[in-house]
């Protein structure tokens, strides 16, 4: 699924971003996405149930623990995990979900479309 400019603008307008699947391994995409936000002076909160901090930023263990100012999340998780987490994001009031390459699945995309 491709994003149109209006969707990208809406995603980037969030005051803060959740990075779901953030990794402490600098070679993994979950770390690279987090660093990209930070390098562009964006407030990013890593979501990782096993880490206390990544790149010096305190982690939350679940999407449900993200602060209310987070309106957009990047998902860097396996498709089966993405499918489980999208309903939590929707219930939390996350407005924009960007499934990074390899995180998407038809089920997760359908869930997002139902709540758009």
Foldseek 3Di string as FASTA:
>chain_A
DDDDPVLVVVQVPQQEEEQEPQDQPCVDPSVVVVVVCVVVVGHYEYADLPDQDHPRHGHHPALLPDDLSHQEYEYDDAQVVLLVRLVVCVVSNRNYYHYPPRNHDPNNVVVNVVSD
